[in-house]
Amino acid sequence: MNVCGVLVRARPERGEAVARALAEMPGVEVHAATPDGRIVVTLEHESRRGVADALTAMHNVEGVLNAALVYEYGDNETEAEPCD
């Protein structure tokens, strides 16, 4: 299992809508959002490829300016995956 901390920056006028869209994504939990468009989320996924796909999906939400991975943890039970 991979657990990631992600800081999302959204256009301030779209912040609430972006937070709602992120919360609907599988494995994503919204923890905090500010009026200026900063949103703190965690992302849980079984694979690193799934994490990368989820980050791409976050970038594609209308109103998102950036989604930055700020923390990643993978437990020992997660099968090692080759880097592409």
PDB file of N, CA and C in Angstrom:
ATOM      1  N   MET A   1       0.843  -1.173   0.000  1.00  0.00           N
ATOM      2  CA  MET A   1       0.000   0.000   0.000  1.00  0.00           C
ATOM      3  C   MET A   1       0.887   1.234   0.000  1.00  0.00           C
ATOM      4  N   ASN A   2       0.573   2.173  -0.860  1.00  0.00           N
ATOM      5  CA  ASN A   2       1.270   3.444  -0.916  1.00  0.00           C
ATOM      6  C   ASN A   2       0.354   4.519  -0.350  1.00  0.00           C
ATOM      7  N   VAL A   3       0.899   5.324   0.557  1.00  0.00           N
ATOM      8  CA  VAL A   3       0.170   6.441   1.138  1.00  0.00           C
ATOM      9  C   VAL A   3       0.954   7.699   0.791  1.00  0.00           C
ATOM     10  N   CYS A   4       0.262   8.668   0.185  1.00  0.00           N
ATOM     11  CA  CYS A   4       0.923   9.878  -0.283  1.00  0.00           C
ATOM     12  C   CYS A   4       0.230  11.115   0.244  1.00  0.00           C
ATOM     13  N   GLY A   5       1.018  12.122   0.542  1.00  0.00           N
ATOM     14  CA  GLY A   5       0.498  13.447   0.863  1.00  0.00           C
ATOM     15  C   GLY A   5       0.646  14.302  -0.372  1.00  0.00           C
ATOM     16  N   VAL A   6      -0.421  15.004  -0.743  1.00  0.00           N
ATOM     17  CA  VAL A   6      -0.415  15.824  -1.954  1.00  0.00           C
ATOM     18  C   VAL A   6      -0.941  17.209  -1.619  1.00  0.00           C
ATOM     19  N   LEU A   7      -0.246  18.226  -2.085  1.00  0.00           N
ATOM     20  CA  LEU A   7      -0.721  19.606  -1.975  1.00  0.00           C
ATOM     21  C   LEU A   7      -1.232  20.029  -3.343  1.00  0.00           C
ATOM     22  N   VAL A   8      -2.501  20.357  -3.394  1.00  0.00           N
ATOM     23  CA  VAL A   8      -3.129  20.779  -4.645  1.00  0.00           C
ATOM     24  C   VAL A   8      -3.347  22.284  -4.576  1.00  0.00           C
ATOM     25  N   ARG A   9      -3.019  22.946  -5.646  1.00  0.00           N
ATOM     26  CA  ARG A   9      -3.269  24.391  -5.750  1.00  0.00           C
ATOM     27  C   ARG A   9      -4.325  24.590  -6.825  1.00  0.00           C
ATOM     28  N   ALA A  10      -5.428  25.238  -6.458  1.00  0.00           N
ATOM     29  CA  ALA A  10      -6.530  25.473  -7.386  1.00  0.00           C
ATOM     30  C   ALA A  10      -6.781  26.965  -7.537  1.00  0.00           C
ATOM     31  N   ARG A  11      -7.438  27.324  -8.616  1.00  0.00           N
ATOM     32  CA  ARG A  11      -7.881  28.715  -8.758  1.00  0.00           C
ATOM     33  C   ARG A  11      -8.815  28.998  -7.587  1.00  0.00           C
ATOM     34  N   PRO A  12      -8.628  30.125  -6.890  1.00  0.00           N
ATOM     35  CA  PRO A  12      -9.444  30.402  -5.703  1.00  0.00           C
ATOM     36  C   PRO A  12     -10.950  30.308  -5.949  1.00  0.00           C
ATOM     37  N   GLU A  13     -11.399  30.769  -7.095  1.00  0.00           N
ATOM     38  CA  GLU A  13     -12.835  30.739  -7.384  1.00  0.00           C
ATOM     39  C   GLU A  13     -13.349  29.324  -7.652  1.00  0.00           C
ATOM     40  N   ARG A  14     -12.455  28.365  -7.868  1.00  0.00           N
ATOM     41  CA  ARG A  14     -12.835  26.968  -8.133  1.00  0.00           C
ATOM     42  C   ARG A  14     -12.458  26.038  -6.980  1.00  0.00           C
ATOM     43  N   GLY A  15     -11.904  26.588  -5.908  1.00  0.00           N
ATOM     44  CA  GLY A  15     -11.383  25.778  -4.814  1.00  0.00           C
ATOM     45  C   GLY A  15     -12.372  24.789  -4.229  1.00  0.00           C
ATOM     46  N   GLU A  16     -13.593  25.239  -3.937  1.00  0.00           N
ATOM     47  CA  GLU A  16     -14.589  24.342  -3.344  1.00  0.00           C
ATOM     48  C   GLU A  16     -14.976  23.227  -4.311  1.00  0.00           C
ATOM     49  N   ALA A  17     -15.166  23.571  -5.568  1.00  0.00           N
ATOM     50  CA  ALA A  17     -15.531  22.561  -6.570  1.00  0.00           C
ATOM     51  C   ALA A  17     -14.398  21.561  -6.760  1.00  0.00           C
ATOM     52  N   VAL A  18     -13.165  22.037  -6.752  1.00  0.00           N
ATOM     53  CA  VAL A  18     -12.010  21.140  -6.898  1.00  0.00           C
ATOM     54  C   VAL A  18     -11.942  20.200  -5.696  1.00  0.00           C
ATOM     55  N   ALA A  19     -12.113  20.730  -4.491  1.00  0.00           N
ATOM     56  CA  ALA A  19     -12.066  19.889  -3.288  1.00  0.00           C
ATOM     57  C   ALA A  19     -13.135  18.801  -3.350  1.00  0.00           C
ATOM     58  N   ARG A  20     -14.328  19.138  -3.810  1.00  0.00           N
ATOM     59  CA  ARG A  20     -15.393  18.138  -3.933  1.00  0.00           C
ATOM     60  C   ARG A  20     -15.023  17.072  -4.966  1.00  0.00           C
ATOM     61  N   ALA A  21     -14.475  17.509  -6.111  1.00  0.00           N
ATOM     62  CA  ALA A  21     -14.088  16.559  -7.163  1.00  0.00           C
ATOM     63  C   ALA A  21     -12.978  15.630  -6.674  1.00  0.00           C
ATOM     64  N   LEU A  22     -12.015  16.167  -5.947  1.00  0.00           N
ATOM     65  CA  LEU A  22     -10.929  15.342  -5.420  1.00  0.00           C
ATOM     66  C   LEU A  22     -11.464  14.318  -4.427  1.00  0.00           C
ATOM     67  N   ALA A  23     -12.382  14.743  -3.564  1.00  0.00           N
ATOM     68  CA  ALA A  23     -12.934  13.850  -2.542  1.00  0.00           C
ATOM     69  C   ALA A  23     -13.698  12.679  -3.153  1.00  0.00           C
ATOM     70  N   GLU A  24     -14.174  12.833  -4.371  1.00  0.00           N
ATOM     71  CA  GLU A  24     -14.908  11.769  -5.051  1.00  0.00           C
ATOM     72  C   GLU A  24     -13.989  10.750  -5.723  1.00  0.00           C
ATOM     73  N   MET A  25     -12.704  11.060  -5.823  1.00  0.00           N
ATOM     74  CA  MET A  25     -11.761  10.144  -6.460  1.00  0.00           C
ATOM     75  C   MET A  25     -11.458   8.970  -5.521  1.00  0.00           C
ATOM     76  N   PRO A  26     -11.340   7.760  -6.075  1.00  0.00           N
ATOM     77  CA  PRO A  26     -11.028   6.598  -5.246  1.00  0.00           C
ATOM     78  C   PRO A  26      -9.678   6.762  -4.540  1.00  0.00           C
ATOM     79  N   GLY A  27      -9.649   6.498  -3.240  1.00  0.00           N
ATOM     80  CA  GLY A  27      -8.411   6.545  -2.477  1.00  0.00           C
ATOM     81  C   GLY A  27      -7.976   7.923  -2.042  1.00  0.00           C
ATOM     82  N   VAL A  28      -8.756   8.961  -2.361  1.00  0.00           N
ATOM     83  CA  VAL A  28      -8.379  10.339  -2.028  1.00  0.00           C
ATOM     84  C   VAL A  28      -9.226  10.829  -0.863  1.00  0.00           C
ATOM     85  N   GLU A  29      -8.559  11.452   0.104  1.00  0.00           N
ATOM     86  CA  GLU A  29      -9.251  12.080   1.231  1.00  0.00           C
ATOM     87  C   GLU A  29      -8.773  13.523   1.337  1.00  0.00           C
ATOM     88  N   VAL A  30      -9.715  14.459   1.371  1.00  0.00           N
ATOM     89  CA  VAL A  30      -9.398  15.883   1.518  1.00  0.00           C
ATOM     90  C   VAL A  30      -9.340  16.188   3.008  1.00  0.00           C
ATOM     91  N   HIS A  31      -8.231  16.802   3.444  1.00  0.00           N
ATOM     92  CA  HIS A  31      -8.047  17.108   4.866  1.00  0.00           C
ATOM     93  C   HIS A  31      -8.242  18.579   5.185  1.00  0.00           C
ATOM     94  N   ALA A  32      -7.896  19.442   4.256  1.00  0.00           N
ATOM     95  CA  ALA A  32      -8.014  20.879   4.509  1.00  0.00           C
ATOM     96  C   ALA A  32      -8.059  21.615   3.181  1.00  0.00           C
ATOM     97  N   ALA A  33      -8.757  22.751   3.205  1.00  0.00           N
ATOM     98  CA  ALA A  33      -8.811  23.626   2.024  1.00  0.00           C
ATOM     99  C   ALA A  33      -8.875  25.070   2.522  1.00  0.00           C
ATOM    100  N   THR A  34      -8.172  25.950   1.840  1.00  0.00           N
ATOM    101  CA  THR A  34      -8.162  27.359   2.214  1.00  0.00           C
ATOM    102  C   THR A  34      -8.889  28.182   1.149  1.00  0.00           C
ATOM    103  N   PRO A  35      -9.346  29.359   1.520  1.00  0.00           N
ATOM    104  CA  PRO A  35     -10.049  30.207   0.549  1.00  0.00           C
ATOM    105  C   PRO A  35      -9.198  30.611  -0.664  1.00  0.00           C
ATOM    106  N   ASP A  36      -7.874  30.571  -0.512  1.00  0.00           N
ATOM    107  CA  ASP A  36      -7.008  30.968  -1.637  1.00  0.00           C
ATOM    108  C   ASP A  36      -6.668  29.794  -2.559  1.00  0.00           C
ATOM    109  N   GLY A  37      -7.303  28.609  -2.341  1.00  0.00           N
ATOM    110  CA  GLY A  37      -7.155  27.506  -3.290  1.00  0.00           C
ATOM    111  C   GLY A  37      -6.155  26.433  -2.942  1.00  0.00           C
ATOM    112  N   ARG A  38      -5.615  26.446  -1.738  1.00  0.00           N
ATOM    113  CA  ARG A  38      -4.694  25.371  -1.328  1.00  0.00           C
ATOM    114  C   ARG A  38      -5.509  24.242  -0.705  1.00  0.00           C
ATOM    115  N   ILE A  39      -5.241  23.019  -1.148  1.00  0.00           N
ATOM    116  CA  ILE A  39      -5.991  21.854  -0.684  1.00  0.00           C
ATOM    117  C   ILE A  39      -4.994  20.763  -0.316  1.00  0.00           C
ATOM    118  N   VAL A  40      -5.138  20.226   0.897  1.00  0.00           N
ATOM    119  CA  VAL A  40      -4.265  19.159   1.374  1.00  0.00           C
ATOM    120  C   VAL A  40      -5.047  17.850   1.306  1.00  0.00           C
ATOM    121  N   VAL A  41      -4.470  16.858   0.615  1.00  0.00           N
ATOM    122  CA  VAL A  41      -5.126  15.565   0.481  1.00  0.00           C
ATOM    123  C   VAL A  41      -4.148  14.437   0.752  1.00  0.00           C
ATOM    124  N   THR A  42      -4.697  13.273   1.101  1.00  0.00           N
ATOM    125  CA  THR A  42      -3.901  12.056   1.104  1.00  0.00           C
ATOM    126  C   THR A  42      -4.467  11.143   0.023  1.00  0.00           C
ATOM    127  N   LEU A  43      -3.591  10.332  -0.499  1.00  0.00           N
ATOM    128  CA  LEU A  43      -3.926   9.403  -1.562  1.00  0.00           C
ATOM    129  C   LEU A  43      -3.392   8.040  -1.164  1.00  0.00           C
ATOM    130  N   GLU A  44      -4.256   7.029  -1.197  1.00  0.00           N
ATOM    131  CA  GLU A  44      -3.835   5.658  -0.920  1.00  0.00           C
ATOM    132  C   GLU A  44      -4.088   4.823  -2.164  1.00  0.00           C
ATOM    133  N   HIS A  45      -3.067   4.047  -2.550  1.00  0.00           N
ATOM    134  CA  HIS A  45      -3.215   3.177  -3.709  1.00  0.00           C
ATOM    135  C   HIS A  45      -2.301   1.976  -3.545  1.00  0.00           C
ATOM    136  N   GLU A  46      -2.679   0.880  -4.171  1.00  0.00           N
ATOM    137  CA  GLU A  46      -1.913  -0.360  -4.076  1.00  0.00           C
ATOM    138  C   GLU A  46      -0.575  -0.300  -4.817  1.00  0.00           C
ATOM    139  N   SER A  47      -0.489   0.494  -5.876  1.00  0.00           N
ATOM    140  CA  SER A  47       0.737   0.500  -6.688  1.00  0.00           C
ATOM    141  C   SER A  47       1.227   1.919  -6.943  1.00  0.00           C
ATOM    142  N   ARG A  48       2.508   2.014  -7.250  1.00  0.00           N
ATOM    143  CA  ARG A  48       3.067   3.325  -7.602  1.00  0.00           C
ATOM    144  C   ARG A  48       2.497   3.826  -8.917  1.00  0.00           C
ATOM    145  N   ARG A  49       2.223   2.930  -9.827  1.00  0.00           N
ATOM    146  CA  ARG A  49       1.610   3.332 -11.102  1.00  0.00           C
ATOM    147  C   ARG A  49       0.227   3.925 -10.838  1.00  0.00           C
ATOM    148  N   GLY A  50      -0.514   3.331  -9.906  1.00  0.00           N
ATOM    149  CA  GLY A  50      -1.825   3.861  -9.534  1.00  0.00           C
ATOM    150  C   GLY A  50      -1.723   5.249  -8.930  1.00  0.00           C
ATOM    151  N   VAL A  51      -0.677   5.470  -8.137  1.00  0.00           N
ATOM    152  CA  VAL A  51      -0.437   6.797  -7.567  1.00  0.00           C
ATOM    153  C   VAL A  51      -0.183   7.796  -8.693  1.00  0.00           C
ATOM    154  N   ALA A  52       0.664   7.432  -9.630  1.00  0.00           N
ATOM    155  CA  ALA A  52       0.972   8.331 -10.756  1.00  0.00           C
ATOM    156  C   ALA A  52      -0.288   8.642 -11.566  1.00  0.00           C
ATOM    157  N   ASP A  53      -1.119   7.618 -11.807  1.00  0.00           N
ATOM    158  CA  ASP A  53      -2.363   7.838 -12.547  1.00  0.00           C
ATOM    159  C   ASP A  53      -3.304   8.761 -11.778  1.00  0.00           C
ATOM    160  N   ALA A  54      -3.371   8.592 -10.466  1.00  0.00           N
ATOM    161  CA  ALA A  54      -4.238   9.444  -9.645  1.00  0.00           C
ATOM    162  C   ALA A  54      -3.740  10.888  -9.643  1.00  0.00           C
ATOM    163  N   LEU A  55      -2.428  11.081  -9.581  1.00  0.00           N
ATOM    164  CA  LEU A  55      -1.877  12.445  -9.644  1.00  0.00           C
ATOM    165  C   LEU A  55      -2.196  13.102 -10.984  1.00  0.00           C
ATOM    166  N   THR A  56      -2.110  12.331 -12.054  1.00  0.00           N
ATOM    167  CA  THR A  56      -2.474  12.857 -13.368  1.00  0.00           C
ATOM    168  C   THR A  56      -3.946  13.250 -13.387  1.00  0.00           C
ATOM    169  N   ALA A  57      -4.798  12.404 -12.806  1.00  0.00           N
ATOM    170  CA  ALA A  57      -6.232  12.707 -12.745  1.00  0.00           C
ATOM    171  C   ALA A  57      -6.485  13.980 -11.945  1.00  0.00           C
ATOM    172  N   MET A  58      -5.724  14.184 -10.869  1.00  0.00           N
ATOM    173  CA  MET A  58      -5.874  15.416 -10.082  1.00  0.00           C
ATOM    174  C   MET A  58      -5.528  16.631 -10.930  1.00  0.00           C
ATOM    175  N   HIS A  59      -4.442  16.533 -11.692  1.00  0.00           N
ATOM    176  CA  HIS A  59      -4.031  17.637 -12.568  1.00  0.00           C
ATOM    177  C   HIS A  59      -5.113  17.960 -13.593  1.00  0.00           C
ATOM    178  N   ASN A  60      -5.889  16.962 -13.976  1.00  0.00           N
ATOM    179  CA  ASN A  60      -6.899  17.152 -15.018  1.00  0.00           C
ATOM    180  C   ASN A  60      -8.234  17.680 -14.509  1.00  0.00           C
ATOM    181  N   VAL A  61      -8.376  17.864 -13.201  1.00  0.00           N
ATOM    182  CA  VAL A  61      -9.610  18.437 -12.653  1.00  0.00           C
ATOM    183  C   VAL A  61      -9.651  19.917 -13.035  1.00  0.00           C
ATOM    184  N   GLU A  62     -10.790  20.355 -13.556  1.00  0.00           N
ATOM    185  CA  GLU A  62     -10.925  21.752 -13.969  1.00  0.00           C
ATOM    186  C   GLU A  62     -10.694  22.677 -12.775  1.00  0.00           C
ATOM    187  N   GLY A  63      -9.796  23.624 -12.951  1.00  0.00           N
ATOM    188  CA  GLY A  63      -9.475  24.586 -11.901  1.00  0.00           C
ATOM    189  C   GLY A  63      -8.196  24.286 -11.154  1.00  0.00           C
ATOM    190  N   VAL A  64      -7.626  23.093 -11.337  1.00  0.00           N
ATOM    191  CA  VAL A  64      -6.372  22.743 -10.668  1.00  0.00           C
ATOM    192  C   VAL A  64      -5.205  23.400 -11.401  1.00  0.00           C
ATOM    193  N   LEU A  65      -4.378  24.091 -10.649  1.00  0.00           N
ATOM    194  CA  LEU A  65      -3.172  24.702 -11.205  1.00  0.00           C
ATOM    195  C   LEU A  65      -1.968  23.779 -11.055  1.00  0.00           C
ATOM    196  N   ASN A  66      -1.922  23.034  -9.930  1.00  0.00           N
ATOM    197  CA  ASN A  66      -0.799  22.146  -9.673  1.00  0.00           C
ATOM    198  C   ASN A  66      -1.195  21.114  -8.616  1.00  0.00           C
ATOM    199  N   ALA A  67      -0.627  19.940  -8.699  1.00  0.00           N
ATOM    200  CA  ALA A  67      -0.769  18.910  -7.671  1.00  0.00           C
ATOM    201  C   ALA A  67       0.629  18.369  -7.407  1.00  0.00           C
ATOM    202  N   ALA A  68       1.144  18.638  -6.214  1.00  0.00           N
ATOM    203  CA  ALA A  68       2.522  18.274  -5.891  1.00  0.00           C
ATOM    204  C   ALA A  68       2.567  17.169  -4.849  1.00  0.00           C
ATOM    205  N   LEU A  69       3.266  16.102  -5.167  1.00  0.00           N
ATOM    206  CA  LEU A  69       3.501  15.015  -4.232  1.00  0.00           C
ATOM    207  C   LEU A  69       4.506  15.517  -3.198  1.00  0.00           C
ATOM    208  N   VAL A  70       4.113  15.558  -1.920  1.00  0.00           N
ATOM    209  CA  VAL A  70       5.013  16.066  -0.887  1.00  0.00           C
ATOM    210  C   VAL A  70       5.466  14.985   0.083  1.00  0.00           C
ATOM    211  N   TYR A  71       4.814  13.818   0.030  1.00  0.00           N
ATOM    212  CA  TYR A  71       5.185  12.720   0.915  1.00  0.00           C
ATOM    213  C   TYR A  71       4.714  11.412   0.291  1.00  0.00           C
ATOM    214  N   GLU A  72       5.544  10.376   0.413  1.00  0.00           N
ATOM    215  CA  GLU A  72       5.134   9.056  -0.061  1.00  0.00           C
ATOM    216  C   GLU A  72       5.677   8.002   0.890  1.00  0.00           C
ATOM    217  N   TYR A  73       4.827   7.057   1.237  1.00  0.00           N
ATOM    218  CA  TYR A  73       5.226   5.932   2.065  1.00  0.00           C
ATOM    219  C   TYR A  73       4.692   4.656   1.434  1.00  0.00           C
ATOM    220  N   GLY A  74       5.548   3.658   1.302  1.00  0.00           N
ATOM    221  CA  GLY A  74       5.138   2.342   0.820  1.00  0.00           C
ATOM    222  C   GLY A  74       5.566   1.311   1.843  1.00  0.00           C
ATOM    223  N   ASP A  75       4.623   0.491   2.333  1.00  0.00           N
ATOM    224  CA  ASP A  75       4.981  -0.489   3.349  1.00  0.00           C
ATOM    225  C   ASP A  75       5.723  -1.671   2.739  1.00  0.00           C
ATOM    226  N   ASN A  76       6.285  -2.503   3.586  1.00  0.00           N
ATOM    227  CA  ASN A  76       7.082  -3.644   3.138  1.00  0.00           C
ATOM    228  C   ASN A  76       6.253  -4.713   2.463  1.00  0.00           C
ATOM    229  N   GLU A  77       4.945  -4.702   2.658  1.00  0.00           N
ATOM    230  CA  GLU A  77       4.091  -5.702   2.044  1.00  0.00           C
ATOM    231  C   GLU A  77       3.824  -5.408   0.579  1.00  0.00           C
ATOM    232  N   THR A  78       4.093  -4.175   0.165  1.00  0.00           N
ATOM    233  CA  THR A  78       3.882  -3.806  -1.225  1.00  0.00           C
ATOM    234  C   THR A  78       4.954  -4.450  -2.076  1.00  0.00           C
ATOM    235  N   GLU A  79       4.554  -5.130  -3.110  1.00  0.00           N
ATOM    236  CA  GLU A  79       5.490  -5.790  -3.992  1.00  0.00           C
ATOM    237  C   GLU A  79       6.324  -4.760  -4.741  1.00  0.00           C
ATOM    238  N   ALA A  80       7.602  -4.964  -4.800  1.00  0.00           N
ATOM    239  CA  ALA A  80       8.481  -4.039  -5.520  1.00  0.00           C
ATOM    240  C   ALA A  80       8.104  -3.996  -6.996  1.00  0.00           C
ATOM    241  N   GLU A  81       8.091  -2.793  -7.541  1.00  0.00           N
ATOM    242  CA  GLU A  81       7.754  -2.613  -8.955  1.00  0.00           C
ATOM    243  C   GLU A  81       8.950  -1.988  -9.666  1.00  0.00           C
ATOM    244  N   PRO A  82       9.230  -2.424 -10.865  1.00  0.00           N
ATOM    245  CA  PRO A  82      10.337  -1.814 -11.593  1.00  0.00           C
ATOM    246  C   PRO A  82       9.991  -0.392 -11.999  1.00  0.00           C
ATOM    247  N   CYS A  83      10.978   0.464 -11.979  1.00  0.00           N
ATOM    248  CA  CYS A  83      10.793   1.836 -12.447  1.00  0.00           C
ATOM    249  C   CYS A  83      10.876   1.854 -13.958  1.00  0.00           C
ATOM    250  N   ASP A  84       9.980   2.583 -14.591  1.00  0.00           N
ATOM    251  CA  ASP A  84      10.013   2.691 -16.056  1.00  0.00           C
ATOM    252  C   ASP A  84      10.868   3.855 -16.495  1.00  0.00           C
TER     253      ASP A  84
END
